[in-house]
PDB file of N, CA and C in Angstrom:
ATOM      1  N   MET A   1      91.557  85.789 111.387  1.00  0.00           N
ATOM      2  CA  MET A   1      90.488  86.754 111.225  1.00  0.00           C
ATOM      3  C   MET A   1      90.435  87.705 112.416  1.00  0.00           C
ATOM      4  N   LYS A   2      90.699  87.153 113.614  1.00  0.00           N
ATOM      5  CA  LYS A   2      90.693  88.006 114.798  1.00  0.00           C
ATOM      6  C   LYS A   2      91.795  89.050 114.731  1.00  0.00           C
ATOM      7  N   LEU A   3      92.898  88.684 114.094  1.00  0.00           N
ATOM      8  CA  LEU A   3      94.001  89.633 113.953  1.00  0.00           C
ATOM      9  C   LEU A   3      93.586  90.826 113.102  1.00  0.00           C
ATOM     10  N   LEU A   4      92.830  90.565 112.038  1.00  0.00           N
ATOM     11  CA  LEU A   4      92.358  91.664 111.181  1.00  0.00           C
ATOM     12  C   LEU A   4      91.367  92.563 111.917  1.00  0.00           C
ATOM     13  N   HIS A   5      90.494  91.964 112.715  1.00  0.00           N
ATOM     14  CA  HIS A   5      89.556  92.770 113.498  1.00  0.00           C
ATOM     15  C   HIS A   5      90.303  93.624 114.522  1.00  0.00           C
ATOM     16  N   LEU A   6      91.319  93.044 115.136  1.00  0.00           N
ATOM     17  CA  LEU A   6      92.132  93.783 116.099  1.00  0.00           C
ATOM     18  C   LEU A   6      92.866  94.932 115.405  1.00  0.00           C
ATOM     19  N   LEU A   7      93.441  94.666 114.244  1.00  0.00           N
ATOM     20  CA  LEU A   7      94.128  95.695 113.475  1.00  0.00           C
ATOM     21  C   LEU A   7      93.163  96.803 113.068  1.00  0.00           C
ATOM     22  N   ASN A   8      91.957  96.430 112.656  1.00  0.00           N
ATOM     23  CA  ASN A   8      90.945  97.405 112.284  1.00  0.00           C
ATOM     24  C   ASN A   8      90.588  98.296 113.474  1.00  0.00           C
ATOM     25  N   GLU A   9      90.429  97.715 114.639  1.00  0.00           N
ATOM     26  CA  GLU A   9      90.097  98.496 115.837  1.00  0.00           C
ATOM     27  C   GLU A   9      91.236  99.422 116.240  1.00  0.00           C
ATOM     28  N   VAL A  10      92.462  98.935 116.131  1.00  0.00           N
ATOM     29  CA  VAL A  10      93.616  99.774 116.458  1.00  0.00           C
ATOM     30  C   VAL A  10      93.707 100.949 115.495  1.00  0.00           C
ATOM     31  N   LEU A  11      93.528 100.696 114.210  1.00  0.00           N
ATOM     32  CA  LEU A  11      93.559 101.780 113.221  1.00  0.00           C
ATOM     33  C   LEU A  11      92.420 102.768 113.434  1.00  0.00           C
ATOM     34  N   ARG A  12      91.244 102.271 113.815  1.00  0.00           N
ATOM     35  CA  ARG A  12      90.113 103.163 114.090  1.00  0.00           C
ATOM     36  C   ARG A  12      90.421 104.083 115.263  1.00  0.00           C
ATOM     37  N   LYS A  13      91.012 103.537 116.309  1.00  0.00           N
ATOM     38  CA  LYS A  13      91.373 104.347 117.482  1.00  0.00           C
ATOM     39  C   LYS A  13      92.436 105.383 117.126  1.00  0.00           C
ATOM     40  N   ILE A  14      93.407 104.990 116.320  1.00  0.00           N
ATOM     41  CA  ILE A  14      94.448 105.934 115.894  1.00  0.00           C
ATOM     42  C   ILE A  14      93.834 107.057 115.077  1.00  0.00           C
ATOM     43  N   GLU A  15      92.938 106.714 114.147  1.00  0.00           N
ATOM     44  CA  GLU A  15      92.259 107.744 113.349  1.00  0.00           C
ATOM     45  C   GLU A  15      91.470 108.689 114.233  1.00  0.00           C
ATOM     46  N   GLU A  16      90.719 108.149 115.184  1.00  0.00           N
ATOM     47  CA  GLU A  16      89.940 108.994 116.094  1.00  0.00           C
ATOM     48  C   GLU A  16      90.854 109.932 116.873  1.00  0.00           C
ATOM     49  N   TRP A  17      91.974 109.414 117.345  1.00  0.00           N
ATOM     50  CA  TRP A  17      92.911 110.213 118.115  1.00  0.00           C
ATOM     51  C   TRP A  17      93.491 111.334 117.262  1.00  0.00           C
ATOM     52  N   ILE A  18      93.925 111.000 116.045  1.00  0.00           N
ATOM     53  CA  ILE A  18      94.506 112.008 115.146  1.00  0.00           C
ATOM     54  C   ILE A  18      93.482 113.083 114.813  1.00  0.00           C
ATOM     55  N   ILE A  19      92.257 112.699 114.507  1.00  0.00           N
ATOM     56  CA  ILE A  19      91.228 113.674 114.156  1.00  0.00           C
ATOM     57  C   ILE A  19      90.925 114.585 115.344  1.00  0.00           C
ATOM     58  N   ALA A  20      90.697 114.006 116.498  1.00  0.00           N
ATOM     59  CA  ALA A  20      90.321 114.799 117.669  1.00  0.00           C
ATOM     60  C   ALA A  20      91.427 115.761 118.083  1.00  0.00           C
ATOM     61  N   TYR A  21      92.640 115.261 118.198  1.00  0.00           N
ATOM     62  CA  TYR A  21      93.720 116.124 118.662  1.00  0.00           C
ATOM     63  C   TYR A  21      94.172 117.118 117.601  1.00  0.00           C
ATOM     64  N   SER A  22      94.000 116.808 116.335  1.00  0.00           N
ATOM     65  CA  SER A  22      94.299 117.780 115.283  1.00  0.00           C
ATOM     66  C   SER A  22      93.335 118.956 115.358  1.00  0.00           C
ATOM     67  N   ILE A  23      92.065 118.677 115.574  1.00  0.00           N
ATOM     68  CA  ILE A  23      91.082 119.754 115.679  1.00  0.00           C
ATOM     69  C   ILE A  23      91.344 120.597 116.929  1.00  0.00           C
ATOM     70  N   ILE A  24      91.658 119.940 118.043  1.00  0.00           N
ATOM     71  CA  ILE A  24      91.957 120.675 119.277  1.00  0.00           C
ATOM     72  C   ILE A  24      93.200 121.536 119.087  1.00  0.00           C
ATOM     73  N   LEU A  25      94.259 120.977 118.518  1.00  0.00           N
ATOM     74  CA  LEU A  25      95.484 121.733 118.294  1.00  0.00           C
ATOM     75  C   LEU A  25      95.251 122.901 117.342  1.00  0.00           C
ATOM     76  N   MET A  26      94.454 122.671 116.294  1.00  0.00           N
ATOM     77  CA  MET A  26      94.147 123.740 115.352  1.00  0.00           C
ATOM     78  C   MET A  26      93.413 124.879 116.049  1.00  0.00           C
ATOM     79  N   ALA A  27      92.460 124.554 116.910  1.00  0.00           N
ATOM     80  CA  ALA A  27      91.729 125.582 117.639  1.00  0.00           C
ATOM     81  C   ALA A  27      92.664 126.360 118.559  1.00  0.00           C
ATOM     82  N   ILE A  28      93.547 125.666 119.252  1.00  0.00           N
ATOM     83  CA  ILE A  28      94.480 126.331 120.163  1.00  0.00           C
ATOM     84  C   ILE A  28      95.405 127.283 119.400  1.00  0.00           C
ATOM     85  N   VAL A  29      95.967 126.808 118.293  1.00  0.00           N
ATOM     86  CA  VAL A  29      96.895 127.627 117.513  1.00  0.00           C
ATOM     87  C   VAL A  29      96.189 128.851 116.949  1.00  0.00           C
ATOM     88  N   LEU A  30      94.990 128.661 116.405  1.00  0.00           N
ATOM     89  CA  LEU A  30      94.281 129.789 115.802  1.00  0.00           C
ATOM     90  C   LEU A  30      93.815 130.797 116.845  1.00  0.00           C
ATOM     91  N   ILE A  31      93.341 130.326 117.981  1.00  0.00           N
ATOM     92  CA  ILE A  31      92.930 131.242 119.045  1.00  0.00           C
ATOM     93  C   ILE A  31      94.137 131.995 119.587  1.00  0.00           C
ATOM     94  N   ALA A  32      95.259 131.307 119.774  1.00  0.00           N
ATOM     95  CA  ALA A  32      96.479 131.972 120.230  1.00  0.00           C
ATOM     96  C   ALA A  32      96.940 133.013 119.226  1.00  0.00           C
ATOM     97  N   ASN A  33      96.814 132.723 117.942  1.00  0.00           N
ATOM     98  CA  ASN A  33      97.208 133.686 116.914  1.00  0.00           C
ATOM     99  C   ASN A  33      96.310 134.916 116.937  1.00  0.00           C
ATOM    100  N   VAL A  34      95.015 134.722 117.101  1.00  0.00           N
ATOM    101  CA  VAL A  34      94.088 135.857 117.173  1.00  0.00           C
ATOM    102  C   VAL A  34      94.392 136.716 118.396  1.00  0.00           C
ATOM    103  N   LEU A  35      94.617 136.065 119.533  1.00  0.00           N
ATOM    104  CA  LEU A  35      94.938 136.817 120.742  1.00  0.00           C
ATOM    105  C   LEU A  35      96.266 137.562 120.591  1.00  0.00           C
ATOM    106  N   ALA A  36      97.262 136.919 120.001  1.00  0.00           N
ATOM    107  CA  ALA A  36      98.552 137.574 119.796  1.00  0.00           C
ATOM    108  C   ALA A  36      98.416 138.778 118.867  1.00  0.00           C
ATOM    109  N   ARG A  37      97.622 138.638 117.815  1.00  0.00           N
ATOM    110  CA  ARG A  37      97.431 139.751 116.897  1.00  0.00           C
ATOM    111  C   ARG A  37      96.714 140.924 117.554  1.00  0.00           C
ATOM    112  N   ASN A  38      95.675 140.630 118.323  1.00  0.00           N
ATOM    113  CA  ASN A  38      94.866 141.697 118.905  1.00  0.00           C
ATOM    114  C   ASN A  38      95.490 142.303 120.164  1.00  0.00           C
ATOM    115  N   LEU A  39      96.197 141.508 120.948  1.00  0.00           N
ATOM    116  CA  LEU A  39      96.755 142.013 122.201  1.00  0.00           C
ATOM    117  C   LEU A  39      98.176 142.541 122.056  1.00  0.00           C
ATOM    118  N   PHE A  40      98.984 141.884 121.220  1.00  0.00           N
ATOM    119  CA  PHE A  40     100.399 142.237 121.131  1.00  0.00           C
ATOM    120  C   PHE A  40     100.792 142.801 119.767  1.00  0.00           C
ATOM    121  N   ASN A  41      99.849 142.953 118.870  1.00  0.00           N
ATOM    122  CA  ASN A  41     100.093 143.468 117.513  1.00  0.00           C
ATOM    123  C   ASN A  41     101.177 142.684 116.760  1.00  0.00           C
ATOM    124  N   THR A  42     101.246 141.414 117.021  1.00  0.00           N
ATOM    125  CA  THR A  42     102.164 140.547 116.297  1.00  0.00           C
ATOM    126  C   THR A  42     101.460 139.214 116.061  1.00  0.00           C
ATOM    127  N   SER A  43     101.884 138.534 115.049  1.00  0.00           N
ATOM    128  CA  SER A  43     101.249 137.271 114.698  1.00  0.00           C
ATOM    129  C   SER A  43     102.228 136.126 114.881  1.00  0.00           C
ATOM    130  N   LEU A  44     101.711 134.959 115.172  1.00  0.00           N
ATOM    131  CA  LEU A  44     102.556 133.772 115.256  1.00  0.00           C
ATOM    132  C   LEU A  44     102.941 133.354 113.840  1.00  0.00           C
ATOM    133  N   ASN A  45     104.235 133.235 113.607  1.00  0.00           N
ATOM    134  CA  ASN A  45     104.715 132.955 112.249  1.00  0.00           C
ATOM    135  C   ASN A  45     104.252 131.611 111.724  1.00  0.00           C
ATOM    136  N   PHE A  46     104.099 130.647 112.583  1.00  0.00           N
ATOM    137  CA  PHE A  46     103.805 129.278 112.165  1.00  0.00           C
ATOM    138  C   PHE A  46     102.314 128.968 112.121  1.00  0.00           C
ATOM    139  N   ALA A  47     101.470 129.864 112.583  1.00  0.00           N
ATOM    140  CA  ALA A  47     100.049 129.551 112.777  1.00  0.00           C
ATOM    141  C   ALA A  47      99.348 129.154 111.475  1.00  0.00           C
ATOM    142  N   GLU A  48      99.597 129.888 110.414  1.00  0.00           N
ATOM    143  CA  GLU A  48      98.899 129.597 109.159  1.00  0.00           C
ATOM    144  C   GLU A  48      99.319 128.246 108.585  1.00  0.00           C
ATOM    145  N   GLU A  49     100.624 127.978 108.590  1.00  0.00           N
ATOM    146  CA  GLU A  49     101.113 126.714 108.029  1.00  0.00           C
ATOM    147  C   GLU A  49     100.633 125.522 108.852  1.00  0.00           C
ATOM    148  N   VAL A  50     100.715 125.626 110.170  1.00  0.00           N
ATOM    149  CA  VAL A  50     100.262 124.537 111.031  1.00  0.00           C
ATOM    150  C   VAL A  50      98.777 124.283 110.824  1.00  0.00           C
ATOM    151  N   SER A  51      98.006 125.344 110.724  1.00  0.00           N
ATOM    152  CA  SER A  51      96.559 125.197 110.516  1.00  0.00           C
ATOM    153  C   SER A  51      96.249 124.547 109.176  1.00  0.00           C
ATOM    154  N   GLN A  52      97.005 124.898 108.155  1.00  0.00           N
ATOM    155  CA  GLN A  52      96.790 124.279 106.849  1.00  0.00           C
ATOM    156  C   GLN A  52      97.103 122.782 106.888  1.00  0.00           C
ATOM    157  N   PHE A  53      98.224 122.417 107.492  1.00  0.00           N
ATOM    158  CA  PHE A  53      98.573 120.998 107.599  1.00  0.00           C
ATOM    159  C   PHE A  53      97.536 120.233 108.421  1.00  0.00           C
ATOM    160  N   LEU A  54      97.093 120.826 109.517  1.00  0.00           N
ATOM    161  CA  LEU A  54      96.099 120.150 110.348  1.00  0.00           C
ATOM    162  C   LEU A  54      94.768 120.008 109.620  1.00  0.00           C
ATOM    163  N   THR A  55      94.410 121.000 108.832  1.00  0.00           N
ATOM    164  CA  THR A  55      93.186 120.903 108.031  1.00  0.00           C
ATOM    165  C   THR A  55      93.282 119.754 107.034  1.00  0.00           C
ATOM    166  N   ILE A  56      94.444 119.595 106.421  1.00  0.00           N
ATOM    167  CA  ILE A  56      94.648 118.491 105.480  1.00  0.00           C
ATOM    168  C   ILE A  56      94.574 117.154 106.215  1.00  0.00           C
ATOM    169  N   PHE A  57      95.221 117.061 107.382  1.00  0.00           N
ATOM    170  CA  PHE A  57      95.150 115.823 108.170  1.00  0.00           C
ATOM    171  C   PHE A  57      93.714 115.483 108.520  1.00  0.00           C
ATOM    172  N   VAL A  58      92.980 116.466 109.015  1.00  0.00           N
ATOM    173  CA  VAL A  58      91.594 116.222 109.423  1.00  0.00           C
ATOM    174  C   VAL A  58      90.745 115.817 108.225  1.00  0.00           C
ATOM    175  N   THR A  59      90.989 116.433 107.085  1.00  0.00           N
ATOM    176  CA  THR A  59      90.219 116.104 105.887  1.00  0.00           C
ATOM    177  C   THR A  59      90.446 114.653 105.463  1.00  0.00           C
ATOM    178  N   PHE A  60      91.701 114.247 105.341  1.00  0.00           N
ATOM    179  CA  PHE A  60      91.984 112.902 104.855  1.00  0.00           C
ATOM    180  C   PHE A  60      91.673 111.829 105.893  1.00  0.00           C
ATOM    181  N   PHE A  61      92.067 112.059 107.138  1.00  0.00           N
ATOM    182  CA  PHE A  61      91.756 111.068 108.163  1.00  0.00           C
ATOM    183  C   PHE A  61      90.247 111.018 108.429  1.00  0.00           C
ATOM    184  N   GLY A  62      89.579 112.167 108.345  1.00  0.00           N
ATOM    185  CA  GLY A  62      88.125 112.193 108.518  1.00  0.00           C
ATOM    186  C   GLY A  62      87.405 111.454 107.407  1.00  0.00           C
ATOM    187  N   THR A  63      87.905 111.581 106.186  1.00  0.00           N
ATOM    188  CA  THR A  63      87.322 110.843 105.070  1.00  0.00           C
ATOM    189  C   THR A  63      87.500 109.343 105.264  1.00  0.00           C
ATOM    190  N   SER A  64      88.671 108.950 105.690  1.00  0.00           N
ATOM    191  CA  SER A  64      88.932 107.534 105.956  1.00  0.00           C
ATOM    192  C   SER A  64      88.039 107.023 107.083  1.00  0.00           C
ATOM    193  N   TYR A  65      87.922 107.803 108.130  1.00  0.00           N
ATOM    194  CA  TYR A  65      87.089 107.409 109.269  1.00  0.00           C
ATOM    195  C   TYR A  65      85.617 107.307 108.858  1.00  0.00           C
ATOM    196  N   ALA A  66      85.147 108.271 108.057  1.00  0.00           N
ATOM    197  CA  ALA A  66      83.756 108.243 107.603  1.00  0.00           C
ATOM    198  C   ALA A  66      83.493 107.035 106.707  1.00  0.00           C
ATOM    199  N   ALA A  67      84.440 106.706 105.848  1.00  0.00           N
ATOM    200  CA  ALA A  67      84.265 105.535 104.982  1.00  0.00           C
ATOM    201  C   ALA A  67      84.262 104.251 105.814  1.00  0.00           C
ATOM    202  N   ARG A  68      85.123 104.199 106.826  1.00  0.00           N
ATOM    203  CA  ARG A  68      85.177 103.021 107.691  1.00  0.00           C
ATOM    204  C   ARG A  68      83.862 102.835 108.434  1.00  0.00           C
ATOM    205  N   ARG A  69      83.236 103.929 108.837  1.00  0.00           N
ATOM    206  CA  ARG A  69      81.990 103.870 109.593  1.00  0.00           C
ATOM    207  C   ARG A  69      80.752 103.939 108.698  1.00  0.00           C
ATOM    208  N   ALA A  70      80.954 103.989 107.375  1.00  0.00           N
ATOM    209  CA  ALA A  70      79.872 104.097 106.382  1.00  0.00           C
ATOM    210  C   ALA A  70      79.006 105.325 106.651  1.00  0.00           C
ATOM    211  N   ARG A  71      79.640 106.429 106.973  1.00  0.00           N
ATOM    212  CA  ARG A  71      78.943 107.685 107.245  1.00  0.00           C
ATOM    213  C   ARG A  71      79.359 108.754 106.241  1.00  0.00           C
ATOM    214  N   HIS A  72      79.616 108.363 105.009  1.00  0.00           N
ATOM    215  CA  HIS A  72      80.050 109.294 103.995  1.00  0.00           C
ATOM    216  C   HIS A  72      78.875 110.146 103.506  1.00  0.00           C
ATOM    217  N   ILE A  73      79.213 111.211 102.821  1.00  0.00           N
ATOM    218  CA  ILE A  73      78.195 112.142 102.324  1.00  0.00           C
ATOM    219  C   ILE A  73      77.431 111.487 101.182  1.00  0.00           C
ATOM    220  N   ARG A  74      76.129 111.616 101.219  1.00  0.00           N
ATOM    221  CA  ARG A  74      75.302 111.100 100.137  1.00  0.00           C
ATOM    222  C   ARG A  74      74.558 112.274  99.518  1.00  0.00           C
ATOM    223  N   MET A  75      74.656 112.388  98.219  1.00  0.00           N
ATOM    224  CA  MET A  75      73.980 113.469  97.510  1.00  0.00           C
ATOM    225  C   MET A  75      72.562 113.021  97.188  1.00  0.00           C
ATOM    226  N   SER A  76      71.586 113.680  97.777  1.00  0.00           N
ATOM    227  CA  SER A  76      70.199 113.253  97.587  1.00  0.00           C
ATOM    228  C   SER A  76      69.304 114.406  97.149  1.00  0.00           C
ATOM    229  N   LEU A  77      69.884 115.444  96.550  1.00  0.00           N
ATOM    230  CA  LEU A  77      69.096 116.602  96.150  1.00  0.00           C
ATOM    231  C   LEU A  77      67.998 116.220  95.160  1.00  0.00           C
ATOM    232  N   LEU A  78      68.360 115.508  94.095  1.00  0.00           N
ATOM    233  CA  LEU A  78      67.350 115.143  93.094  1.00  0.00           C
ATOM    234  C   LEU A  78      66.272 114.250  93.708  1.00  0.00           C
ATOM    235  N   TYR A  79      66.688 113.330  94.536  1.00  0.00           N
ATOM    236  CA  TYR A  79      65.730 112.444  95.177  1.00  0.00           C
ATOM    237  C   TYR A  79      64.753 113.226  96.049  1.00  0.00           C
ATOM    238  N   ASP A  80      65.253 114.208  96.770  1.00  0.00           N
ATOM    239  CA  ASP A  80      64.395 115.013  97.642  1.00  0.00           C
ATOM    240  C   ASP A  80      63.441 115.902  96.861  1.00  0.00           C
ATOM    241  N   VAL A  81      63.835 116.322  95.656  1.00  0.00           N
ATOM    242  CA  VAL A  81      63.010 117.227  94.853  1.00  0.00           C
ATOM    243  C   VAL A  81      61.848 116.486  94.188  1.00  0.00           C
ATOM    244  N   PHE A  82      62.078 115.233  93.769  1.00  0.00           N
ATOM    245  CA  PHE A  82      61.047 114.491  93.055  1.00  0.00           C
ATOM    246  C   PHE A  82      59.888 114.115  93.961  1.00  0.00           C
ATOM    247  N   GLY A  83      58.741 113.882  93.319  1.00  0.00           N
ATOM    248  CA  GLY A  83      57.578 113.365  94.038  1.00  0.00           C
ATOM    249  C   GLY A  83      57.716 111.861  94.235  1.00  0.00           C
ATOM    250  N   GLU A  84      56.661 111.236  94.716  1.00  0.00           N
ATOM    251  CA  GLU A  84      56.715 109.799  95.013  1.00  0.00           C
ATOM    252  C   GLU A  84      57.011 108.958  93.767  1.00  0.00           C
ATOM    253  N   LYS A  85      56.366 109.291  92.647  1.00  0.00           N
ATOM    254  CA  LYS A  85      56.577 108.525  91.419  1.00  0.00           C
ATOM    255  C   LYS A  85      58.016 108.697  90.911  1.00  0.00           C
ATOM    256  N   GLY A  86      58.514 109.927  90.961  1.00  0.00           N
ATOM    257  CA  GLY A  86      59.886 110.193  90.532  1.00  0.00           C
ATOM    258  C   GLY A  86      60.895 109.495  91.428  1.00  0.00           C
ATOM    259  N   LYS A  87      60.603 109.435  92.719  1.00  0.00           N
ATOM    260  CA  LYS A  87      61.502 108.746  93.646  1.00  0.00           C
ATOM    261  C   LYS A  87      61.576 107.261  93.341  1.00  0.00           C
ATOM    262  N   LYS A  88      60.442 106.667  92.954  1.00  0.00           N
ATOM    263  CA  LYS A  88      60.432 105.240  92.616  1.00  0.00           C
ATOM    264  C   LYS A  88      61.287 104.972  91.384  1.00  0.00           C
ATOM    265  N   TYR A  89      61.121 105.809  90.349  1.00  0.00           N
ATOM    266  CA  TYR A  89      61.918 105.643  89.136  1.00  0.00           C
ATOM    267  C   TYR A  89      63.405 105.871  89.423  1.00  0.00           C
ATOM    268  N   LEU A  90      63.702 106.882  90.202  1.00  0.00           N
ATOM    269  CA  LEU A  90      65.092 107.179  90.516  1.00  0.00           C
ATOM    270  C   LEU A  90      65.735 106.042  91.297  1.00  0.00           C
ATOM    271  N   SER A  91      65.008 105.438  92.209  1.00  0.00           N
ATOM    272  CA  SER A  91      65.570 104.345  92.996  1.00  0.00           C
ATOM    273  C   SER A  91      65.814 103.101  92.139  1.00  0.00           C
ATOM    274  N   LEU A  92      65.170 102.996  90.975  1.00  0.00           N
ATOM    275  CA  LEU A  92      65.434 101.886  90.072  1.00  0.00           C
ATOM    276  C   LEU A  92      66.774 102.043  89.355  1.00  0.00           C
ATOM    277  N   PHE A  93      67.142 103.290  89.038  1.00  0.00           N
ATOM    278  CA  PHE A  93      68.337 103.545  88.230  1.00  0.00           C
ATOM    279  C   PHE A  93      69.552 103.961  89.041  1.00  0.00           C
ATOM    280  N   VAL A  94      69.344 104.462  90.233  1.00  0.00           N
ATOM    281  CA  VAL A  94      70.461 104.905  91.071  1.00  0.00           C
ATOM    282  C   VAL A  94      70.522 103.978  92.275  1.00  0.00           C
ATOM    283  N   PRO A  95      71.551 103.157  92.371  1.00  0.00           N
ATOM    284  CA  PRO A  95      71.602 102.172  93.442  1.00  0.00           C
ATOM    285  C   PRO A  95      71.695 102.772  94.842  1.00  0.00           C
ATOM    286  N   SER A  96      72.225 103.989  94.958  1.00  0.00           N
ATOM    287  CA  SER A  96      72.386 104.580  96.289  1.00  0.00           C
ATOM    288  C   SER A  96      71.175 105.401  96.711  1.00  0.00           C
ATOM    289  N   ALA A  97      70.151 105.488  95.867  1.00  0.00           N
ATOM    290  CA  ALA A  97      68.963 106.247  96.235  1.00  0.00           C
ATOM    291  C   ALA A  97      68.234 105.527  97.365  1.00  0.00           C
ATOM    292  N   PRO A  98      67.730 106.279  98.331  1.00  0.00           N
ATOM    293  CA  PRO A  98      67.041 105.648  99.455  1.00  0.00           C
ATOM    294  C   PRO A  98      65.822 104.857  98.992  1.00  0.00           C
ATOM    295  N   GLN A  99      65.589 103.746  99.602  1.00  0.00           N
ATOM    296  CA  GLN A  99      64.432 102.916  99.275  1.00  0.00           C
ATOM    297  C   GLN A  99      63.341 103.167 100.311  1.00  0.00           C
ATOM    298  N   HIS A 100      62.182 103.592  99.859  1.00  0.00           N
ATOM    299  CA  HIS A 100      61.053 103.836 100.768  1.00  0.00           C
ATOM    300  C   HIS A 100      59.898 102.929 100.411  1.00  0.00           C
TER     301      HIS A 100
END
């Protein structure tokens, strides 16, 4: 069991590292591309493709990280719109509705 906890922690650290450095690299590439376009009237050929790949990495690894930390997006629009009575009924039928 300790091995699984260790593996989970190692994977969490790897995910955090990939997410953080992908965002930093994406910012560097995009800022460099903007500066190159405005200062030198030329664009970095690879900037768009690298940014797209990094966006995909951040999206998928971020989703995995959010699920691991139970911080995923919860849709609560209907719950927020209803009054107290509606919230009670909604919480009976929707298991993810907040319980108050």
